[in-house]
């Protein structure tokens, strides 16, 4: 099964989901703003992507600025906590398939793991 952490309001996320649907009929769609990942799931996503928490954050979101999340003294645990509390900070879309993950930017990047 392929899983996509999806935001239907995001054009890249919609394009990525459409691309997945063209290649796969077994897709779990998780609207992560409604059902955010828990701490273990978020850590697994980071591990699969090979990213540090700050690298998965949407730095252009107003909450990123408001919470001063660019502060270099914030450790990974603090950044993960902020993503759990404010899932809008999580980059999207994230696709997981067969133990691999990719961010669908550009959407065609998901073709490497499906």
PDB file of N, CA and C in Angstrom:
ATOM      1  N   UNK A   1       0.826  -1.182   0.000  1.00  0.00           N
ATOM      2  CA  UNK A   1       0.000   0.000   0.000  1.00  0.00           C
ATOM      3  C   UNK A   1       0.876   1.254   0.000  1.00  0.00           C
ATOM      4  N   UNK A   2       0.440   2.225  -0.738  1.00  0.00           N
ATOM      5  CA  UNK A   2       1.103   3.517  -0.800  1.00  0.00           C
ATOM      6  C   UNK A   2       0.342   4.489   0.099  1.00  0.00           C
ATOM      7  N   UNK A   3       1.065   5.260   0.891  1.00  0.00           N
ATOM      8  CA  UNK A   3       0.456   6.245   1.780  1.00  0.00           C
ATOM      9  C   UNK A   3       0.890   7.630   1.335  1.00  0.00           C
ATOM     10  N   UNK A   4      -0.071   8.543   1.311  1.00  0.00           N
ATOM     11  CA  UNK A   4       0.243   9.941   1.019  1.00  0.00           C
ATOM     12  C   UNK A   4      -0.283  10.802   2.158  1.00  0.00           C
ATOM     13  N   UNK A   5       0.611  11.620   2.708  1.00  0.00           N
ATOM     14  CA  UNK A   5       0.210  12.654   3.656  1.00  0.00           C
ATOM     15  C   UNK A   5      -0.144  13.857   2.798  1.00  0.00           C
ATOM     16  N   UNK A   6      -1.436  14.169   2.768  1.00  0.00           N
ATOM     17  CA  UNK A   6      -2.037  15.005   1.737  1.00  0.00           C
ATOM     18  C   UNK A   6      -2.741  16.217   2.333  1.00  0.00           C
ATOM     19  N   UNK A   7      -2.641  17.327   1.610  1.00  0.00           N
ATOM     20  CA  UNK A   7      -3.423  18.519   1.910  1.00  0.00           C
ATOM     21  C   UNK A   7      -4.191  18.862   0.641  1.00  0.00           C
ATOM     22  N   UNK A   8      -5.516  18.638   0.622  1.00  0.00           N
ATOM     23  CA  UNK A   8      -6.279  18.864  -0.599  1.00  0.00           C
ATOM     24  C   UNK A   8      -6.282  20.307  -1.086  1.00  0.00           C
ATOM     25  N   UNK A   9      -5.877  21.243  -0.247  1.00  0.00           N
ATOM     26  CA  UNK A   9      -5.824  22.647  -0.664  1.00  0.00           C
ATOM     27  C   UNK A   9      -4.528  22.986  -1.387  1.00  0.00           C
ATOM     28  N   UNK A  10      -3.580  22.064  -1.392  1.00  0.00           N
ATOM     29  CA  UNK A  10      -2.263  22.294  -1.994  1.00  0.00           C
ATOM     30  C   UNK A  10      -2.241  21.713  -3.409  1.00  0.00           C
ATOM     31  N   UNK A  11      -1.889  22.520  -4.392  1.00  0.00           N
ATOM     32  CA  UNK A  11      -1.882  22.047  -5.783  1.00  0.00           C
ATOM     33  C   UNK A  11      -0.863  20.934  -6.002  1.00  0.00           C
ATOM     34  N   UNK A  12       0.318  21.029  -5.395  1.00  0.00           N
ATOM     35  CA  UNK A  12       1.332  19.972  -5.554  1.00  0.00           C
ATOM     36  C   UNK A  12       0.843  18.662  -4.936  1.00  0.00           C
ATOM     37  N   UNK A  13       0.149  18.775  -3.823  1.00  0.00           N
ATOM     38  CA  UNK A  13      -0.388  17.586  -3.168  1.00  0.00           C
ATOM     39  C   UNK A  13      -1.473  16.950  -4.045  1.00  0.00           C
ATOM     40  N   UNK A  14      -2.343  17.764  -4.614  1.00  0.00           N
ATOM     41  CA  UNK A  14      -3.388  17.238  -5.511  1.00  0.00           C
ATOM     42  C   UNK A  14      -2.763  16.592  -6.743  1.00  0.00           C
ATOM     43  N   UNK A  15      -1.749  17.225  -7.316  1.00  0.00           N
ATOM     44  CA  UNK A  15      -1.079  16.666  -8.492  1.00  0.00           C
ATOM     45  C   UNK A  15      -0.402  15.341  -8.158  1.00  0.00           C
ATOM     46  N   UNK A  16       0.203  15.278  -6.988  1.00  0.00           N
ATOM     47  CA  UNK A  16       0.883  14.051  -6.572  1.00  0.00           C
ATOM     48  C   UNK A  16      -0.129  12.932  -6.374  1.00  0.00           C
ATOM     49  N   UNK A  17      -1.251  13.217  -5.732  1.00  0.00           N
ATOM     50  CA  UNK A  17      -2.282  12.209  -5.529  1.00  0.00           C
ATOM     51  C   UNK A  17      -2.822  11.717  -6.872  1.00  0.00           C
ATOM     52  N   UNK A  18      -3.042  12.624  -7.789  1.00  0.00           N
ATOM     53  CA  UNK A  18      -3.531  12.240  -9.118  1.00  0.00           C
ATOM     54  C   UNK A  18      -2.525  11.319  -9.811  1.00  0.00           C
ATOM     55  N   UNK A  19      -1.268  11.641  -9.711  1.00  0.00           N
ATOM     56  CA  UNK A  19      -0.223  10.813 -10.309  1.00  0.00           C
ATOM     57  C   UNK A  19      -0.200   9.426  -9.669  1.00  0.00           C
ATOM     58  N   UNK A  20      -0.321   9.371  -8.363  1.00  0.00           N
ATOM     59  CA  UNK A  20      -0.375   8.078  -7.672  1.00  0.00           C
ATOM     60  C   UNK A  20      -1.572   7.263  -8.144  1.00  0.00           C
ATOM     61  N   UNK A  21      -2.720   7.917  -8.280  1.00  0.00           N
ATOM     62  CA  UNK A  21      -3.934   7.218  -8.698  1.00  0.00           C
ATOM     63  C   UNK A  21      -3.801   6.650 -10.108  1.00  0.00           C
ATOM     64  N   UNK A  22      -3.001   7.272 -10.944  1.00  0.00           N
ATOM     65  CA  UNK A  22      -2.774   6.769 -12.303  1.00  0.00           C
ATOM     66  C   UNK A  22      -1.934   5.500 -12.302  1.00  0.00           C
ATOM     67  N   UNK A  23      -1.133   5.305 -11.250  1.00  0.00           N
ATOM     68  CA  UNK A  23      -0.192   4.185 -11.204  1.00  0.00           C
ATOM     69  C   UNK A  23      -0.505   3.138 -10.147  1.00  0.00           C
ATOM     70  N   UNK A  24      -1.466   3.417  -9.280  1.00  0.00           N
ATOM     71  CA  UNK A  24      -1.685   2.543  -8.137  1.00  0.00           C
ATOM     72  C   UNK A  24      -3.127   2.700  -7.664  1.00  0.00           C
ATOM     73  N   UNK A  25      -3.766   1.603  -7.329  1.00  0.00           N
ATOM     74  CA  UNK A  25      -5.138   1.706  -6.834  1.00  0.00           C
ATOM     75  C   UNK A  25      -5.239   1.398  -5.339  1.00  0.00           C
ATOM     76  N   UNK A  26      -4.111   1.144  -4.700  1.00  0.00           N
ATOM     77  CA  UNK A  26      -4.096   0.843  -3.277  1.00  0.00           C
ATOM     78  C   UNK A  26      -3.384   1.984  -2.546  1.00  0.00           C
ATOM     79  N   UNK A  27      -4.137   3.081  -2.326  1.00  0.00           N
ATOM     80  CA  UNK A  27      -3.557   4.297  -1.760  1.00  0.00           C
ATOM     81  C   UNK A  27      -4.298   4.660  -0.482  1.00  0.00           C
ATOM     82  N   UNK A  28      -3.524   4.896   0.568  1.00  0.00           N
ATOM     83  CA  UNK A  28      -4.075   5.416   1.812  1.00  0.00           C
ATOM     84  C   UNK A  28      -3.818   6.916   1.816  1.00  0.00           C
ATOM     85  N   UNK A  29      -4.899   7.686   1.830  1.00  0.00           N
ATOM     86  CA  UNK A  29      -4.785   9.143   1.835  1.00  0.00           C
ATOM     87  C   UNK A  29      -5.009   9.626   3.265  1.00  0.00           C
ATOM     88  N   UNK A  30      -4.004  10.286   3.813  1.00  0.00           N
ATOM     89  CA  UNK A  30      -4.100  10.844   5.159  1.00  0.00           C
ATOM     90  C   UNK A  30      -4.064  12.360   5.041  1.00  0.00           C
ATOM     91  N   UNK A  31      -5.186  12.991   5.351  1.00  0.00           N
ATOM     92  CA  UNK A  31      -5.214  14.447   5.376  1.00  0.00           C
ATOM     93  C   UNK A  31      -4.573  14.871   6.692  1.00  0.00           C
ATOM     94  N   UNK A  32      -3.283  15.133   6.629  1.00  0.00           N
ATOM     95  CA  UNK A  32      -2.484  15.287   7.838  1.00  0.00           C
ATOM     96  C   UNK A  32      -2.825  16.523   8.657  1.00  0.00           C
ATOM     97  N   UNK A  33      -3.565  17.465   8.084  1.00  0.00           N
ATOM     98  CA  UNK A  33      -3.990  18.606   8.897  1.00  0.00           C
ATOM     99  C   UNK A  33      -5.170  18.215   9.782  1.00  0.00           C
ATOM    100  N   UNK A  34      -5.949  17.215   9.339  1.00  0.00           N
ATOM    101  CA  UNK A  34      -7.068  16.705  10.135  1.00  0.00           C
ATOM    102  C   UNK A  34      -6.613  15.581  11.068  1.00  0.00           C
ATOM    103  N   UNK A  35      -5.729  14.723  10.559  1.00  0.00           N
ATOM    104  CA  UNK A  35      -5.216  13.586  11.329  1.00  0.00           C
ATOM    105  C   UNK A  35      -3.691  13.636  11.253  1.00  0.00           C
ATOM    106  N   UNK A  36      -3.068  14.450  12.103  1.00  0.00           N
ATOM    107  CA  UNK A  36      -1.613  14.584  12.032  1.00  0.00           C
ATOM    108  C   UNK A  36      -0.912  13.305  12.493  1.00  0.00           C
ATOM    109  N   UNK A  37       0.303  13.105  12.007  1.00  0.00           N
ATOM    110  CA  UNK A  37       1.063  11.947  12.483  1.00  0.00           C
ATOM    111  C   UNK A  37       1.388  12.121  13.964  1.00  0.00           C
ATOM    112  N   UNK A  38       1.525  10.981  14.655  1.00  0.00           N
ATOM    113  CA  UNK A  38       1.974  11.054  16.040  1.00  0.00           C
ATOM    114  C   UNK A  38       3.501  11.126  16.045  1.00  0.00           C
ATOM    115  N   UNK A  39       4.078  11.204  17.213  1.00  0.00           N
ATOM    116  CA  UNK A  39       5.522  11.384  17.327  1.00  0.00           C
ATOM    117  C   UNK A  39       6.287  10.246  16.658  1.00  0.00           C
ATOM    118  N   UNK A  40       5.861   9.012  16.875  1.00  0.00           N
ATOM    119  CA  UNK A  40       6.552   7.857  16.288  1.00  0.00           C
ATOM    120  C   UNK A  40       6.436   7.865  14.763  1.00  0.00           C
ATOM    121  N   UNK A  41       5.239   8.189  14.272  1.00  0.00           N
ATOM    122  CA  UNK A  41       5.046   8.245  12.822  1.00  0.00           C
ATOM    123  C   UNK A  41       5.903   9.347  12.200  1.00  0.00           C
ATOM    124  N   UNK A  42       5.947  10.498  12.840  1.00  0.00           N
ATOM    125  CA  UNK A  42       6.742  11.609  12.315  1.00  0.00           C
ATOM    126  C   UNK A  42       8.228  11.255  12.322  1.00  0.00           C
ATOM    127  N   UNK A  43       8.691  10.608  13.369  1.00  0.00           N
ATOM    128  CA  UNK A  43      10.096  10.195  13.424  1.00  0.00           C
ATOM    129  C   UNK A  43      10.396   9.179  12.321  1.00  0.00           C
ATOM    130  N   UNK A  44       9.470   8.257  12.078  1.00  0.00           N
ATOM    131  CA  UNK A  44       9.663   7.271  11.006  1.00  0.00           C
ATOM    132  C   UNK A  44       9.724   7.969   9.647  1.00  0.00           C
ATOM    133  N   UNK A  45       8.855   8.953   9.432  1.00  0.00           N
ATOM    134  CA  UNK A  45       8.872   9.710   8.177  1.00  0.00           C
ATOM    135  C   UNK A  45      10.228  10.394   8.004  1.00  0.00           C
ATOM    136  N   UNK A  46      10.690  11.041   9.045  1.00  0.00           N
ATOM    137  CA  UNK A  46      11.996  11.712   8.982  1.00  0.00           C
ATOM    138  C   UNK A  46      13.103  10.706   8.657  1.00  0.00           C
ATOM    139  N   UNK A  47      13.068   9.548   9.315  1.00  0.00           N
ATOM    140  CA  UNK A  47      14.086   8.526   9.073  1.00  0.00           C
ATOM    141  C   UNK A  47      14.041   8.035   7.627  1.00  0.00           C
ATOM    142  N   UNK A  48      12.827   7.767   7.120  1.00  0.00           N
ATOM    143  CA  UNK A  48      12.692   7.278   5.743  1.00  0.00           C
ATOM    144  C   UNK A  48      13.163   8.319   4.731  1.00  0.00           C
ATOM    145  N   UNK A  49      12.894   9.588   5.028  1.00  0.00           N
ATOM    146  CA  UNK A  49      13.315  10.661   4.125  1.00  0.00           C
ATOM    147  C   UNK A  49      14.798  10.993   4.285  1.00  0.00           C
ATOM    148  N   UNK A  50      15.380  10.598   5.420  1.00  0.00           N
ATOM    149  CA  UNK A  50      16.772  10.942   5.692  1.00  0.00           C
ATOM    150  C   UNK A  50      16.945  12.423   5.975  1.00  0.00           C
ATOM    151  N   UNK A  51      15.940  13.013   6.622  1.00  0.00           N
ATOM    152  CA  UNK A  51      15.962  14.453   6.897  1.00  0.00           C
ATOM    153  C   UNK A  51      15.993  14.720   8.396  1.00  0.00           C
ATOM    154  N   UNK A  52      16.537  15.875   8.735  1.00  0.00           N
ATOM    155  CA  UNK A  52      16.448  16.397  10.092  1.00  0.00           C
ATOM    156  C   UNK A  52      15.116  17.156  10.183  1.00  0.00           C
ATOM    157  N   UNK A  53      14.572  17.318  11.380  1.00  0.00           N
ATOM    158  CA  UNK A  53      13.267  17.973  11.503  1.00  0.00           C
ATOM    159  C   UNK A  53      13.169  19.327  10.811  1.00  0.00           C
ATOM    160  N   UNK A  54      14.168  20.166  10.953  1.00  0.00           N
ATOM    161  CA  UNK A  54      14.091  21.496  10.327  1.00  0.00           C
ATOM    162  C   UNK A  54      13.980  21.395   8.797  1.00  0.00           C
ATOM    163  N   UNK A  55      14.565  20.357   8.223  1.00  0.00           N
ATOM    164  CA  UNK A  55      14.531  20.182   6.771  1.00  0.00           C
ATOM    165  C   UNK A  55      13.142  19.792   6.270  1.00  0.00           C
ATOM    166  N   UNK A  56      12.284  19.310   7.150  1.00  0.00           N
ATOM    167  CA  UNK A  56      10.930  18.917   6.776  1.00  0.00           C
ATOM    168  C   UNK A  56       9.920  20.024   7.060  1.00  0.00           C
ATOM    169  N   UNK A  57      10.395  21.135   7.579  1.00  0.00           N
ATOM    170  CA  UNK A  57       9.486  22.213   7.963  1.00  0.00           C
ATOM    171  C   UNK A  57       9.280  23.212   6.830  1.00  0.00           C
ATOM    172  N   UNK A  58       8.044  23.684   6.763  1.00  0.00           N
ATOM    173  CA  UNK A  58       7.680  24.729   5.798  1.00  0.00           C
ATOM    174  C   UNK A  58       8.022  26.084   6.420  1.00  0.00           C
ATOM    175  N   UNK A  59       9.165  26.590   6.035  1.00  0.00           N
ATOM    176  CA  UNK A  59       9.683  27.806   6.650  1.00  0.00           C
ATOM    177  C   UNK A  59       8.904  29.056   6.254  1.00  0.00           C
ATOM    178  N   UNK A  60       8.118  28.978   5.196  1.00  0.00           N
ATOM    179  CA  UNK A  60       7.331  30.124   4.757  1.00  0.00           C
ATOM    180  C   UNK A  60       6.007  30.286   5.486  1.00  0.00           C
ATOM    181  N   UNK A  61       5.650  29.308   6.310  1.00  0.00           N
ATOM    182  CA  UNK A  61       4.394  29.406   7.065  1.00  0.00           C
ATOM    183  C   UNK A  61       4.519  30.483   8.147  1.00  0.00           C
ATOM    184  N   UNK A  62       3.456  31.227   8.336  1.00  0.00           N
ATOM    185  CA  UNK A  62       3.494  32.316   9.321  1.00  0.00           C
ATOM    186  C   UNK A  62       3.796  31.793  10.723  1.00  0.00           C
ATOM    187  N   UNK A  63       3.303  30.605  11.063  1.00  0.00           N
ATOM    188  CA  UNK A  63       3.547  30.057  12.399  1.00  0.00           C
ATOM    189  C   UNK A  63       5.044  29.787  12.616  1.00  0.00           C
ATOM    190  N   UNK A  64       5.775  29.498  11.544  1.00  0.00           N
ATOM    191  CA  UNK A  64       7.222  29.286  11.648  1.00  0.00           C
ATOM    192  C   UNK A  64       7.891  30.572  12.131  1.00  0.00           C
ATOM    193  N   UNK A  65       7.465  31.688  11.549  1.00  0.00           N
ATOM    194  CA  UNK A  65       8.022  32.983  11.945  1.00  0.00           C
ATOM    195  C   UNK A  65       7.542  33.371  13.350  1.00  0.00           C
ATOM    196  N   UNK A  66       6.230  33.194  13.596  1.00  0.00           N
ATOM    197  CA  UNK A  66       5.640  33.608  14.868  1.00  0.00           C
ATOM    198  C   UNK A  66       6.279  32.885  16.055  1.00  0.00           C
ATOM    199  N   UNK A  67       6.622  31.616  15.867  1.00  0.00           N
ATOM    200  CA  UNK A  67       7.205  30.828  16.950  1.00  0.00           C
ATOM    201  C   UNK A  67       8.729  30.884  16.965  1.00  0.00           C
ATOM    202  N   UNK A  68       9.292  31.694  16.070  1.00  0.00           N
ATOM    203  CA  UNK A  68      10.745  31.863  15.991  1.00  0.00           C
ATOM    204  C   UNK A  68      11.463  30.512  15.842  1.00  0.00           C
ATOM    205  N   UNK A  69      10.945  29.697  14.934  1.00  0.00           N
ATOM    206  CA  UNK A  69      11.488  28.348  14.764  1.00  0.00           C
ATOM    207  C   UNK A  69      12.809  28.320  14.007  1.00  0.00           C
ATOM    208  N   UNK A  70      13.257  29.458  13.528  1.00  0.00           N
ATOM    209  CA  UNK A  70      14.577  29.498  12.906  1.00  0.00           C
ATOM    210  C   UNK A  70      15.688  29.655  13.944  1.00  0.00           C
ATOM    211  N   UNK A  71      15.307  29.700  15.212  1.00  0.00           N
ATOM    212  CA  UNK A  71      16.263  29.804  16.317  1.00  0.00           C
ATOM    213  C   UNK A  71      17.164  28.562  16.317  1.00  0.00           C
ATOM    214  N   UNK A  72      18.466  28.729  16.074  1.00  0.00           N
ATOM    215  CA  UNK A  72      19.363  27.574  15.993  1.00  0.00           C
ATOM    216  C   UNK A  72      19.535  26.822  17.320  1.00  0.00           C
ATOM    217  N   UNK A  73      19.099  27.424  18.414  1.00  0.00           N
ATOM    218  CA  UNK A  73      19.228  26.727  19.699  1.00  0.00           C
ATOM    219  C   UNK A  73      18.135  25.674  19.901  1.00  0.00           C
ATOM    220  N   UNK A  74      17.112  25.676  19.047  1.00  0.00           N
ATOM    221  CA  UNK A  74      16.050  24.669  19.158  1.00  0.00           C
ATOM    222  C   UNK A  74      16.591  23.324  18.682  1.00  0.00           C
ATOM    223  N   UNK A  75      16.448  22.298  19.521  1.00  0.00           N
ATOM    224  CA  UNK A  75      16.930  20.976  19.140  1.00  0.00           C
ATOM    225  C   UNK A  75      15.865  20.218  18.342  1.00  0.00           C
ATOM    226  N   UNK A  76      16.253  19.040  17.859  1.00  0.00           N
ATOM    227  CA  UNK A  76      15.347  18.235  17.027  1.00  0.00           C
ATOM    228  C   UNK A  76      14.056  17.902  17.768  1.00  0.00           C
ATOM    229  N   UNK A  77      14.149  17.577  19.041  1.00  0.00           N
ATOM    230  CA  UNK A  77      12.954  17.223  19.813  1.00  0.00           C
ATOM    231  C   UNK A  77      11.974  18.395  19.875  1.00  0.00           C
ATOM    232  N   UNK A  78      12.488  19.594  20.048  1.00  0.00           N
ATOM    233  CA  UNK A  78      11.627  20.781  20.106  1.00  0.00           C
ATOM    234  C   UNK A  78      10.971  21.032  18.753  1.00  0.00           C
ATOM    235  N   UNK A  79      11.712  20.845  17.676  1.00  0.00           N
ATOM    236  CA  UNK A  79      11.159  21.058  16.344  1.00  0.00           C
ATOM    237  C   UNK A  79      10.101  20.007  16.011  1.00  0.00           C
ATOM    238  N   UNK A  80      10.353  18.763  16.389  1.00  0.00           N
ATOM    239  CA  UNK A  80       9.355  17.713  16.179  1.00  0.00           C
ATOM    240  C   UNK A  80       8.088  18.046  16.965  1.00  0.00           C
ATOM    241  N   UNK A  81       8.249  18.487  18.184  1.00  0.00           N
ATOM    242  CA  UNK A  81       7.089  18.856  18.993  1.00  0.00           C
ATOM    243  C   UNK A  81       6.281  19.964  18.327  1.00  0.00           C
ATOM    244  N   UNK A  82       6.955  20.935  17.751  1.00  0.00           N
ATOM    245  CA  UNK A  82       6.252  22.023  17.072  1.00  0.00           C
ATOM    246  C   UNK A  82       5.479  21.508  15.854  1.00  0.00           C
ATOM    247  N   UNK A  83       6.055  20.544  15.124  1.00  0.00           N
ATOM    248  CA  UNK A  83       5.337  19.971  13.978  1.00  0.00           C
ATOM    249  C   UNK A  83       4.128  19.162  14.444  1.00  0.00           C
ATOM    250  N   UNK A  84       4.233  18.517  15.595  1.00  0.00           N
ATOM    251  CA  UNK A  84       3.100  17.765  16.133  1.00  0.00           C
ATOM    252  C   UNK A  84       1.980  18.717  16.552  1.00  0.00           C
ATOM    253  N   UNK A  85       2.353  19.840  17.130  1.00  0.00           N
ATOM    254  CA  UNK A  85       1.372  20.821  17.588  1.00  0.00           C
ATOM    255  C   UNK A  85       0.820  21.668  16.436  1.00  0.00           C
ATOM    256  N   UNK A  86       1.621  21.846  15.392  1.00  0.00           N
ATOM    257  CA  UNK A  86       1.247  22.685  14.251  1.00  0.00           C
ATOM    258  C   UNK A  86       1.567  21.928  12.955  1.00  0.00           C
ATOM    259  N   UNK A  87       0.736  20.944  12.582  1.00  0.00           N
ATOM    260  CA  UNK A  87       1.062  20.116  11.417  1.00  0.00           C
ATOM    261  C   UNK A  87       1.170  20.891  10.098  1.00  0.00           C
ATOM    262  N   UNK A  88       0.662  22.120  10.056  1.00  0.00           N
ATOM    263  CA  UNK A  88       0.826  22.941   8.855  1.00  0.00           C
ATOM    264  C   UNK A  88       2.306  23.162   8.550  1.00  0.00           C
ATOM    265  N   UNK A  89       3.164  22.980   9.552  1.00  0.00           N
ATOM    266  CA  UNK A  89       4.605  23.159   9.370  1.00  0.00           C
ATOM    267  C   UNK A  89       5.252  22.017   8.585  1.00  0.00           C
ATOM    268  N   UNK A  90       4.563  20.892   8.460  1.00  0.00           N
ATOM    269  CA  UNK A  90       5.146  19.724   7.802  1.00  0.00           C
ATOM    270  C   UNK A  90       5.058  19.893   6.287  1.00  0.00           C
ATOM    271  N   UNK A  91       6.181  19.740   5.627  1.00  0.00           N
ATOM    272  CA  UNK A  91       6.224  19.830   4.164  1.00  0.00           C
ATOM    273  C   UNK A  91       5.287  18.788   3.573  1.00  0.00           C
ATOM    274  N   UNK A  92       4.748  19.081   2.430  1.00  0.00           N
ATOM    275  CA  UNK A  92       3.789  18.201   1.786  1.00  0.00           C
ATOM    276  C   UNK A  92       3.990  18.176   0.294  1.00  0.00           C
ATOM    277  N   UNK A  93       3.461  17.179  -0.340  1.00  0.00           N
ATOM    278  CA  UNK A  93       2.942  15.919   0.182  1.00  0.00           C
ATOM    279  C   UNK A  93       4.084  14.940   0.439  1.00  0.00           C
ATOM    280  N   UNK A  94       3.881  14.054   1.369  1.00  0.00           N
ATOM    281  CA  UNK A  94       4.853  12.999   1.652  1.00  0.00           C
ATOM    282  C   UNK A  94       4.232  11.685   1.210  1.00  0.00           C
ATOM    283  N   UNK A  95       4.980  10.928   0.433  1.00  0.00           N
ATOM    284  CA  UNK A  95       4.503   9.628  -0.040  1.00  0.00           C
ATOM    285  C   UNK A  95       5.430   8.550   0.495  1.00  0.00           C
ATOM    286  N   UNK A  96       4.813   7.490   1.032  1.00  0.00           N
ATOM    287  CA  UNK A  96       5.561   6.357   1.560  1.00  0.00           C
ATOM    288  C   UNK A  96       5.106   5.109   0.823  1.00  0.00           C
ATOM    289  N   UNK A  97       6.072   4.328   0.364  1.00  0.00           N
ATOM    290  CA  UNK A  97       5.767   3.090  -0.347  1.00  0.00           C
ATOM    291  C   UNK A  97       6.948   2.131  -0.203  1.00  0.00           C
ATOM    292  N   UNK A  98       6.646   0.900   0.163  1.00  0.00           N
ATOM    293  CA  UNK A  98       7.672  -0.151   0.256  1.00  0.00           C
ATOM    294  C   UNK A  98       8.893   0.269   1.068  1.00  0.00           C
ATOM    295  N   UNK A  99       8.664   0.896   2.209  1.00  0.00           N
ATOM    296  CA  UNK A  99       9.764   1.268   3.087  1.00  0.00           C
ATOM    297  C   UNK A  99      10.592   2.437   2.592  1.00  0.00           C
ATOM    298  N   UNK A 100      10.087   3.179   1.623  1.00  0.00           N
ATOM    299  CA  UNK A 100      10.773   4.363   1.106  1.00  0.00           C
ATOM    300  C   UNK A 100       9.813   5.543   1.178  1.00  0.00           C
ATOM    301  N   UNK A 101      10.369   6.736   1.246  1.00  0.00           N
ATOM    302  CA  UNK A 101       9.542   7.939   1.306  1.00  0.00           C
ATOM    303  C   UNK A 101      10.152   9.022   0.430  1.00  0.00           C
ATOM    304  N   UNK A 102       9.290   9.898  -0.030  1.00  0.00           N
ATOM    305  CA  UNK A 102       9.721  11.035  -0.842  1.00  0.00           C
ATOM    306  C   UNK A 102       8.712  12.166  -0.648  1.00  0.00           C
ATOM    307  N   UNK A 103       9.205  13.381  -0.767  1.00  0.00           N
ATOM    308  CA  UNK A 103       8.330  14.543  -0.781  1.00  0.00           C
ATOM    309  C   UNK A 103       7.963  14.801  -2.235  1.00  0.00           C
ATOM    310  N   UNK A 104       6.688  14.946  -2.506  1.00  0.00           N
ATOM    311  CA  UNK A 104       6.203  15.113  -3.880  1.00  0.00           C
ATOM    312  C   UNK A 104       6.381  16.518  -4.415  1.00  0.00           C
ATOM    313  N   UNK A 105       7.592  17.007  -4.402  1.00  0.00           N
ATOM    314  CA  UNK A 105       7.940  18.311  -4.976  1.00  0.00           C
ATOM    315  C   UNK A 105       9.222  18.138  -5.768  1.00  0.00           C
ATOM    316  N   UNK A 106       9.115  17.966  -7.036  1.00  0.00           N
ATOM    317  CA  UNK A 106       7.926  17.975  -7.876  1.00  0.00           C
ATOM    318  C   UNK A 106       7.156  16.663  -7.745  1.00  0.00           C
ATOM    319  N   UNK A 107       5.881  16.670  -8.141  1.00  0.00           N
ATOM    320  CA  UNK A 107       5.064  15.467  -8.012  1.00  0.00           C
ATOM    321  C   UNK A 107       5.681  14.237  -8.674  1.00  0.00           C
ATOM    322  N   UNK A 108       6.368  14.411  -9.781  1.00  0.00           N
ATOM    323  CA  UNK A 108       6.958  13.279 -10.507  1.00  0.00           C
ATOM    324  C   UNK A 108       8.006  12.534  -9.698  1.00  0.00           C
ATOM    325  N   UNK A 109       8.493  13.144  -8.644  1.00  0.00           N
ATOM    326  CA  UNK A 109       9.480  12.501  -7.793  1.00  0.00           C
ATOM    327  C   UNK A 109       8.961  11.228  -7.143  1.00  0.00           C
ATOM    328  N   UNK A 110       7.641  11.116  -6.992  1.00  0.00           N
ATOM    329  CA  UNK A 110       7.079   9.916  -6.373  1.00  0.00           C
ATOM    330  C   UNK A 110       7.216   8.691  -7.267  1.00  0.00           C
ATOM    331  N   UNK A 111       7.414   8.899  -8.544  1.00  0.00           N
ATOM    332  CA  UNK A 111       7.546   7.772  -9.463  1.00  0.00           C
ATOM    333  C   UNK A 111       8.761   6.919  -9.136  1.00  0.00           C
ATOM    334  N   UNK A 112       9.744   7.504  -8.448  1.00  0.00           N
ATOM    335  CA  UNK A 112      10.942   6.758  -8.070  1.00  0.00           C
ATOM    336  C   UNK A 112      10.682   5.693  -7.020  1.00  0.00           C
ATOM    337  N   UNK A 113       9.564   5.798  -6.284  1.00  0.00           N
ATOM    338  CA  UNK A 113       9.333   4.819  -5.216  1.00  0.00           C
ATOM    339  C   UNK A 113       8.069   3.981  -5.414  1.00  0.00           C
ATOM    340  N   UNK A 114       7.338   4.219  -6.514  1.00  0.00           N
ATOM    341  CA  UNK A 114       6.141   3.392  -6.738  1.00  0.00           C
ATOM    342  C   UNK A 114       6.373   2.376  -7.852  1.00  0.00           C
TER     343      UNK A 114
END
